Protein backbone atom coordinates (compact mmCIF):
# COMPACT_ATOMS: atom_id res chain seq x y z
CA MET A 1 41.83 13.95 8.47
CA ALA A 2 39.14 16.54 7.90
CA LYS A 3 35.57 15.86 8.88
CA HIS A 4 32.99 16.54 6.21
CA ARG A 5 29.37 17.19 6.87
CA ILE A 6 26.89 15.61 4.55
CA SER A 7 23.22 16.27 4.98
CA LYS A 8 21.11 13.15 5.41
CA GLU A 9 18.98 14.16 2.44
CA GLY A 10 22.00 14.35 0.17
CA ARG A 11 23.67 11.12 1.24
CA ARG A 12 23.67 8.38 -1.36
CA GLY A 13 24.32 4.72 -0.78
CA LEU A 14 25.50 1.98 -3.06
CA PHE A 15 24.19 2.16 -6.64
CA GLY A 16 23.15 5.80 -6.23
CA ARG A 17 20.14 5.00 -4.08
CA ALA A 18 19.32 7.06 -1.05
CA SER A 19 20.89 5.45 2.00
CA ARG A 20 17.64 5.55 3.97
CA ASP A 21 15.53 2.53 3.15
CA ASP A 22 11.81 2.53 3.69
CA LEU A 23 12.08 -0.74 5.64
CA PHE A 24 10.53 0.89 8.71
CA GLU A 25 7.52 2.06 6.71
CA ARG A 26 7.16 -1.35 5.06
CA SER A 27 7.19 -3.04 8.48
CA PHE A 28 3.71 -1.78 9.34
CA LYS A 29 0.23 -2.04 7.90
CA SER A 30 -3.00 -0.36 8.92
CA CYS A 31 -5.65 -2.18 10.91
CA ASP A 32 -8.81 -2.44 8.79
CA HIS A 33 -10.99 -1.92 11.87
CA CYS A 34 -9.42 1.03 13.73
CA GLY A 35 -6.69 2.28 11.35
CA GLN A 36 -3.82 1.94 13.85
CA ASP A 37 -0.41 0.88 12.56
CA VAL A 38 0.22 -2.84 13.14
CA TYR A 39 3.55 -4.66 12.74
CA VAL A 40 3.42 -6.91 9.67
CA LEU A 41 4.14 -10.09 11.66
CA ALA A 42 1.56 -9.36 14.37
CA ASN A 43 -1.60 -11.45 14.57
CA ASP A 44 -3.78 -8.93 16.41
CA CYS A 45 -4.09 -5.14 16.53
CA ARG A 46 -2.88 -3.64 19.82
CA GLY A 47 -5.48 -0.89 19.63
CA CYS A 48 -8.70 -2.83 19.17
CA GLY A 49 -7.68 -6.51 19.36
CA THR A 50 -9.02 -7.32 15.92
CA ARG A 51 -7.32 -10.19 14.12
CA VAL A 52 -5.11 -8.83 11.32
CA GLU A 53 -4.60 -11.01 8.28
CA ALA A 54 -1.16 -11.32 6.70
CA ARG A 55 -0.89 -9.66 3.33
CA VAL A 56 1.30 -11.28 0.70
CA GLY A 57 2.88 -9.07 -1.93
């Protein structure tokens, strides 16, 4: 069977959507105090230790 190369940019998933989801980008938010990326389920910022509130929606 022949191997076909498909560029990552041109790959489409189910329903014609791009196969790369932005889940990684949605998994982080910015710390209001220092601006560092903080995981959405984290309680405190690793950079400055400031408490990070959960954002709904």
